[in-house]
Amino acid sequence: MKNQKFLPYAALVIVSIFWGTTYLASHIGVEYMHGMLLAGTRQTIAGVILLAVFLIKGYKIPGRAMLSKLFIIGVIMLCGSNGLMTWAMKFVPSGLGAIVAATVPIWITIFSYFMISKSKISAKVIIGMIIGFVGVVGIFYDYLQDILKPEFQFGLVLVFLGCLFWAFGSVLTAKWALKINAMYSAAYQMFFSGIVMVIISYLMGESYATSSFTMELWTSLLYLVFIGSLLSFSAYVYALNTLPPSQVSIYAYVNPVVAIILGYIILDEHLNWIVGTSCLVTLAGVYLVNSAYSKQKKLQHESAKLAIESEH
């Protein structure tokens, strides 16, 4: 009984801390391999391992329609988000990437409005959005000297696109509500997206070079596969299925803090009062959006439930 209460929170701690460390691991890895190829290799290996586990357990391969949707979601969320975000780590600090990525709940709210329910956006959500974006602008103030650099600009574009793809994929996943085991679904998404990213990398002229496989790259890749994908994602799915979504969302506020601290200690990245304050402002805005959106969804669910009961 104690384990049943403890394990979900242990899983949440794993997600909160270890997902924040993947920005550092990616930042190290892209020094030796193109970000898209690194992400593709990571997801392919993790997908193959996870698929093997489920197939050995006797799970059947889904039908063509289900596989098509898993392919689409995987490409949008992992190629479009993880691939671009990993690539961006070559051009922007890992802490900055993590803070910008923390704005994903804001983008999810916007996509949800247009794709699922065009219900009225509350004042709390709008205020939260404004506060969140003000925080991001504050962070960029500390990087004014870098903003004029083309590579830095390109990295920022990749980060923002990564946020949009993850948000869009998350809302699409909720809209489709696929009837399949969440972890089994993730295995196909990782495998499909990994293969696509490797193909894209080769089309871009990137390929595996024996000389690039240094101890640093091996460490980064293995960490991303086993800690970033298999352990942390499994923990995320488990937490999501055993705890209220509002509690699970805590990881989004811890990840950037972990990434900033590690970036400062190991990569000598910026960490001053401007970065710290702006990070807190951004997370405060995201919290307002997230809490307001969760409350709105709960009210919609209760209203729908009452409507169904009244019909009977």
Protein backbone atom coordinates (compact mmCIF):
# COMPACT_ATOMS: atom_id res chain seq x y z
CA MET A 1 0.00 0.00 0.00
CA LYS A 2 2.84 2.39 0.89
CA ASN A 3 4.56 1.64 -2.43
CA GLN A 4 1.37 2.45 -4.33
CA LYS A 5 1.35 5.91 -2.73
CA PHE A 6 5.11 6.46 -2.97
CA LEU A 7 5.87 5.28 -6.52
CA PRO A 8 3.82 7.90 -8.42
CA TYR A 9 5.60 10.71 -6.57
CA ALA A 10 8.96 9.02 -7.05
CA ALA A 11 8.20 8.88 -10.77
CA LEU A 12 7.33 12.59 -10.74
CA VAL A 13 10.64 13.40 -9.04
CA ILE A 14 12.49 11.41 -11.73
CA VAL A 15 10.72 13.31 -14.51
CA SER A 16 11.21 16.69 -12.85
CA ILE A 17 14.94 16.25 -12.32
CA PHE A 18 16.19 13.99 -15.10
CA TRP A 19 14.29 15.60 -17.99
CA GLY A 20 15.99 18.83 -16.97
CA THR A 21 19.40 17.17 -17.34
CA THR A 22 18.76 16.15 -20.96
CA TYR A 23 19.40 19.73 -22.12
CA LEU A 24 22.95 19.44 -20.82
CA ALA A 25 23.40 15.97 -22.34
CA SER A 26 22.14 17.24 -25.71
CA HIS A 27 24.37 20.30 -25.53
CA ILE A 28 27.40 18.04 -25.05
CA GLY A 29 26.30 15.56 -27.73
CA VAL A 30 25.82 18.14 -30.49
CA GLU A 31 29.48 19.07 -30.21
CA TYR A 32 30.27 15.73 -31.86
CA MET A 33 27.16 14.89 -33.91
CA HIS A 34 24.48 16.92 -35.71
CA GLY A 35 21.51 17.50 -33.43
CA MET A 36 18.97 15.92 -35.78
CA LEU A 37 21.11 12.79 -36.15
CA LEU A 38 21.73 12.63 -32.40
CA ALA A 39 18.00 12.89 -31.65
CA GLY A 40 17.18 10.37 -34.39
CA THR A 41 19.70 7.86 -33.08
CA ARG A 42 18.44 8.34 -29.54
CA GLN A 43 14.78 7.83 -30.42
CA THR A 44 15.42 4.89 -32.76
CA ILE A 45 17.40 2.94 -30.14
CA ALA A 46 14.91 3.74 -27.37
CA GLY A 47 11.99 2.83 -29.66
CA VAL A 48 13.51 -0.51 -30.67
CA ILE A 49 14.20 -1.45 -27.04
CA LEU A 50 10.71 -0.52 -25.87
CA LEU A 51 9.01 -2.19 -28.85
CA ALA A 52 10.98 -5.38 -28.21
CA VAL A 53 9.77 -5.43 -24.59
CA PHE A 54 6.10 -5.12 -25.60
CA LEU A 55 6.31 -7.57 -28.50
CA ILE A 56 8.01 -10.16 -26.28
CA LYS A 57 5.14 -9.66 -23.81
CA GLY A 58 2.76 -10.66 -26.62
CA TYR A 59 1.38 -7.30 -27.72
CA LYS A 60 0.00 -7.36 -31.26
CA ILE A 61 1.15 -4.92 -33.93
CA PRO A 62 -1.59 -2.27 -34.37
CA GLY A 63 -3.53 -1.92 -37.62
CA ARG A 64 -2.55 0.37 -40.47
CA ALA A 65 -4.89 3.19 -39.38
CA MET A 66 -3.48 3.22 -35.84
CA LEU A 67 0.13 3.02 -37.07
CA SER A 68 -0.51 5.95 -39.42
CA LYS A 69 -1.70 8.14 -36.57
CA LEU A 70 1.19 7.06 -34.35
CA PHE A 71 3.56 7.92 -37.20
CA ILE A 72 2.03 11.40 -37.60
CA ILE A 73 2.10 12.16 -33.87
CA GLY A 74 5.63 10.80 -33.52
CA VAL A 75 6.95 12.90 -36.39
CA ILE A 76 5.24 16.07 -35.11
CA MET A 77 6.21 15.71 -31.44
CA LEU A 78 9.61 14.06 -31.64
CA CYS A 79 11.00 15.10 -35.03
CA GLY A 80 9.45 18.54 -34.84
CA SER A 81 10.15 19.12 -31.17
CA ASN A 82 12.94 16.89 -29.86
CA GLY A 83 14.84 16.94 -33.15
CA LEU A 84 14.75 20.73 -33.54
CA MET A 85 15.38 21.36 -29.84
CA THR A 86 18.43 19.07 -29.85
CA TRP A 87 19.71 20.78 -32.98
CA ALA A 88 19.23 24.16 -31.29
CA MET A 89 21.54 23.17 -28.42
CA LYS A 90 24.43 23.76 -30.85
CA PHE A 91 23.57 27.47 -31.05
CA VAL A 92 21.90 28.53 -27.78
CA PRO A 93 22.66 27.90 -24.07
CA SER A 94 20.95 24.83 -22.64
CA GLY A 95 19.39 26.88 -19.81
CA LEU A 96 17.86 29.36 -22.25
CA GLY A 97 16.43 26.53 -24.33
CA ALA A 98 14.87 24.98 -21.23
CA ILE A 99 13.26 28.26 -20.13
CA VAL A 100 11.73 28.90 -23.55
CA ALA A 101 10.53 25.28 -23.63
CA ALA A 102 8.74 25.92 -20.33
CA THR A 103 6.27 28.12 -22.25
CA VAL A 104 4.79 25.00 -23.94
CA PRO A 105 1.65 25.01 -21.71
CA ILE A 106 0.87 28.48 -23.10
CA TRP A 107 1.06 27.22 -26.68
CA ILE A 108 -0.98 24.13 -25.76
CA THR A 109 -3.72 26.42 -24.45
CA ILE A 110 -3.71 28.39 -27.71
CA PHE A 111 -3.80 25.28 -29.93
CA SER A 112 -6.51 23.72 -27.73
CA TYR A 113 -8.70 26.77 -28.28
CA PHE A 114 -8.56 26.42 -32.07
CA MET A 115 -8.46 22.62 -32.36
CA ILE A 116 -10.65 21.28 -29.56
CA SER A 117 -12.85 23.82 -27.81
CA LYS A 118 -13.33 27.46 -28.69
CA SER A 119 -14.57 28.28 -25.22
CA LYS A 120 -13.90 31.73 -23.82
CA ILE A 121 -10.31 32.28 -22.70
CA SER A 122 -10.35 33.55 -19.12
CA ALA A 123 -8.63 36.72 -17.94
CA LYS A 124 -6.33 34.58 -15.79
CA VAL A 125 -5.06 32.75 -18.88
CA ILE A 126 -4.44 36.01 -20.74
CA ILE A 127 -2.62 37.53 -17.76
CA GLY A 128 -0.56 34.36 -17.42
CA MET A 129 0.41 34.49 -21.09
CA ILE A 130 1.50 38.11 -20.82
CA ILE A 131 3.55 37.44 -17.68
CA GLY A 132 5.15 34.36 -19.25
CA PHE A 133 6.21 36.21 -22.39
CA VAL A 134 7.48 39.18 -20.34
CA GLY A 135 9.70 36.74 -18.48
CA VAL A 136 11.08 35.35 -21.75
CA VAL A 137 11.78 38.88 -23.00
CA GLY A 138 13.62 39.56 -19.74
CA ILE A 139 15.81 36.52 -20.32
CA PHE A 140 16.67 37.71 -23.82
CA TYR A 141 17.76 41.05 -22.34
CA ASP A 142 20.73 39.22 -20.86
CA TYR A 143 21.59 37.91 -24.34
CA LEU A 144 21.32 41.20 -26.27
CA GLN A 145 24.89 40.91 -27.51
CA ASP A 146 24.14 37.46 -28.94
CA ILE A 147 20.80 38.22 -30.61
CA LEU A 148 22.50 39.90 -33.58
CA LYS A 149 24.46 36.72 -34.33
CA PRO A 150 22.85 34.68 -37.17
CA GLU A 151 23.61 31.34 -35.49
CA PHE A 152 21.99 32.46 -32.23
CA GLN A 153 18.92 33.68 -34.13
CA PHE A 154 18.71 30.35 -35.96
CA GLY A 155 18.92 28.49 -32.65
CA LEU A 156 16.08 30.57 -31.19
CA VAL A 157 13.91 29.85 -34.23
CA LEU A 158 14.54 26.12 -33.76
CA VAL A 159 13.62 26.33 -30.06
CA PHE A 160 10.37 28.20 -30.70
CA LEU A 161 9.41 25.84 -33.54
CA GLY A 162 10.16 22.93 -31.22
CA CYS A 163 7.74 24.37 -28.63
CA LEU A 164 5.02 24.83 -31.26
CA PHE A 165 5.41 21.29 -32.62
CA TRP A 166 5.28 19.75 -29.11
CA ALA A 167 2.18 21.77 -28.22
CA PHE A 168 0.45 20.95 -31.51
CA GLY A 169 1.30 17.25 -31.16
CA SER A 170 0.07 17.18 -27.56
CA VAL A 171 -3.28 18.69 -28.50
CA LEU A 172 -3.60 16.38 -31.52
CA THR A 173 -2.90 13.39 -29.25
CA ALA A 174 -5.66 14.52 -26.88
CA LYS A 175 -8.06 15.13 -29.77
CA TRP A 176 -7.51 11.72 -31.35
CA ALA A 177 -7.54 9.89 -27.98
CA LEU A 178 -6.03 6.72 -29.43
CA LYS A 179 -7.15 3.47 -27.78
CA ILE A 180 -3.71 1.98 -27.18
CA ASN A 181 -1.37 1.46 -24.23
CA ALA A 182 0.43 4.78 -23.67
CA MET A 183 3.92 3.25 -23.40
CA TYR A 184 3.33 0.98 -26.41
CA SER A 185 2.20 4.05 -28.33
CA ALA A 186 5.33 5.93 -27.25
CA ALA A 187 7.52 3.06 -28.47
CA TYR A 188 6.14 3.35 -32.01
CA GLN A 189 6.37 7.14 -31.93
CA MET A 190 10.02 7.00 -30.87
CA PHE A 191 10.86 4.34 -33.47
CA PHE A 192 9.08 6.08 -36.37
CA SER A 193 10.40 9.53 -35.53
CA GLY A 194 13.91 8.19 -35.01
CA ILE A 195 14.01 6.60 -38.47
CA VAL A 196 12.62 9.78 -40.06
CA MET A 197 15.20 11.97 -38.31
CA VAL A 198 18.08 9.71 -39.39
CA ILE A 199 16.82 9.86 -43.00
CA ILE A 200 16.48 13.65 -42.80
CA SER A 201 20.02 13.88 -41.43
CA TYR A 202 21.42 11.88 -44.36
CA LEU A 203 19.48 14.09 -46.81
CA MET A 204 21.13 17.08 -45.12
CA GLY A 205 24.53 15.52 -45.75
CA GLU A 206 25.06 14.35 -42.17
CA SER A 207 26.21 10.80 -41.46
CA TYR A 208 27.86 8.68 -38.79
CA ALA A 209 31.61 9.19 -38.57
CA THR A 210 33.75 6.79 -36.55
CA SER A 211 36.01 9.63 -35.43
CA SER A 212 33.08 11.51 -33.87
CA PHE A 213 32.21 8.70 -31.47
CA THR A 214 34.24 9.97 -28.54
CA MET A 215 33.65 9.04 -24.92
CA GLU A 216 31.70 12.31 -24.52
CA LEU A 217 29.36 11.43 -27.39
CA TRP A 218 28.82 7.87 -26.17
CA THR A 219 28.06 9.16 -22.68
CA SER A 220 25.63 11.77 -24.04
CA LEU A 221 23.87 9.30 -26.36
CA LEU A 222 23.52 6.51 -23.80
CA TYR A 223 22.30 8.99 -21.19
CA LEU A 224 19.67 10.37 -23.57
CA VAL A 225 18.51 6.87 -24.55
CA PHE A 226 18.30 5.23 -21.13
CA ILE A 227 17.73 8.18 -18.79
CA GLY A 228 16.09 10.73 -21.08
CA SER A 229 13.83 8.42 -23.10
CA LEU A 230 13.35 5.06 -21.38
CA LEU A 231 13.51 5.96 -17.67
CA SER A 232 12.13 9.50 -17.67
CA PHE A 233 9.44 9.00 -20.29
CA SER A 234 8.28 5.78 -18.62
CA ALA A 235 8.12 7.64 -15.32
CA TYR A 236 6.19 10.46 -17.00
CA VAL A 237 3.58 8.09 -18.43
CA TYR A 238 3.27 6.28 -15.08
CA ALA A 239 2.87 9.57 -13.18
CA LEU A 240 0.34 10.83 -15.72
CA ASN A 241 -1.77 7.70 -15.19
CA THR A 242 -1.61 7.73 -11.38
CA LEU A 243 -1.59 11.42 -10.39
CA PRO A 244 -3.78 14.41 -11.28
CA PRO A 245 -2.47 16.26 -14.38
CA SER A 246 -2.10 19.43 -12.31
CA GLN A 247 0.42 17.66 -10.08
CA VAL A 248 2.30 16.08 -12.96
CA SER A 249 2.69 19.50 -14.59
CA ILE A 250 5.07 20.42 -11.76
CA TYR A 251 7.90 18.90 -13.82
CA ALA A 252 7.62 21.81 -16.28
CA TYR A 253 8.61 24.24 -13.52
CA VAL A 254 11.50 22.17 -12.19
CA ASN A 255 13.14 21.22 -15.53
CA PRO A 256 14.32 24.77 -16.43
CA VAL A 257 15.80 25.31 -12.95
CA VAL A 258 17.76 22.06 -13.21
CA ALA A 259 18.95 22.94 -16.73
CA ILE A 260 20.04 26.45 -15.71
CA ILE A 261 21.97 25.25 -12.66
CA LEU A 262 23.74 22.47 -14.58
CA GLY A 263 24.48 24.83 -17.47
CA TYR A 264 26.04 27.29 -15.04
CA ILE A 265 28.10 24.68 -13.16
CA ILE A 266 29.29 22.54 -16.08
CA LEU A 267 29.06 24.74 -19.19
CA ASP A 268 29.73 28.12 -17.54
CA GLU A 269 26.47 29.58 -18.91
CA HIS A 270 24.88 32.85 -17.75
CA LEU A 271 23.34 32.87 -14.30
CA ASN A 272 22.70 36.24 -12.68
CA TRP A 273 19.81 38.08 -11.08
CA ILE A 274 18.31 38.98 -14.48
CA VAL A 275 18.24 35.35 -15.65
CA GLY A 276 17.02 34.11 -12.27
CA THR A 277 14.24 36.69 -11.95
CA SER A 278 13.14 36.30 -15.57
CA CYS A 279 13.01 32.52 -15.15
CA LEU A 280 10.76 32.88 -12.08
CA VAL A 281 8.51 35.38 -13.90
CA THR A 282 8.19 33.03 -16.89
CA LEU A 283 7.32 30.07 -14.68
CA ALA A 284 4.80 32.18 -12.73
CA GLY A 285 3.05 33.06 -15.99
CA VAL A 286 3.07 29.44 -17.12
CA TYR A 287 1.64 28.40 -13.74
CA LEU A 288 -1.27 30.84 -14.08
CA VAL A 289 -2.04 29.58 -17.59
CA ASN A 290 -1.73 25.95 -16.57
CA SER A 291 -3.89 26.27 -13.44
CA ALA A 292 -6.57 28.31 -15.23
CA TYR A 293 -6.67 25.91 -18.17
CA SER A 294 -6.89 22.87 -15.86
CA LYS A 295 -9.75 24.49 -13.93
CA GLN A 296 -11.53 25.33 -17.18
CA LYS A 297 -11.22 21.74 -18.44
CA LYS A 298 -12.53 20.43 -15.10
CA LEU A 299 -15.58 22.72 -15.29
CA GLN A 300 -16.24 21.65 -18.90
CA HIS A 301 -16.02 17.99 -17.88
CA GLU A 302 -18.42 18.51 -14.97
CA SER A 303 -20.86 20.43 -17.20
CA ALA A 304 -20.81 17.66 -19.79
CA LYS A 305 -21.38 15.07 -17.06
CA LEU A 306 -24.36 16.99 -15.67
CA ALA A 307 -25.82 17.34 -19.18
CA ILE A 308 -25.61 13.58 -19.73
CA GLU A 309 -27.20 12.87 -16.32
CA SER A 310 -30.03 15.32 -16.99
CA GLU A 311 -30.91 13.47 -20.20
CA HIS A 312 -31.50 10.33 -18.19
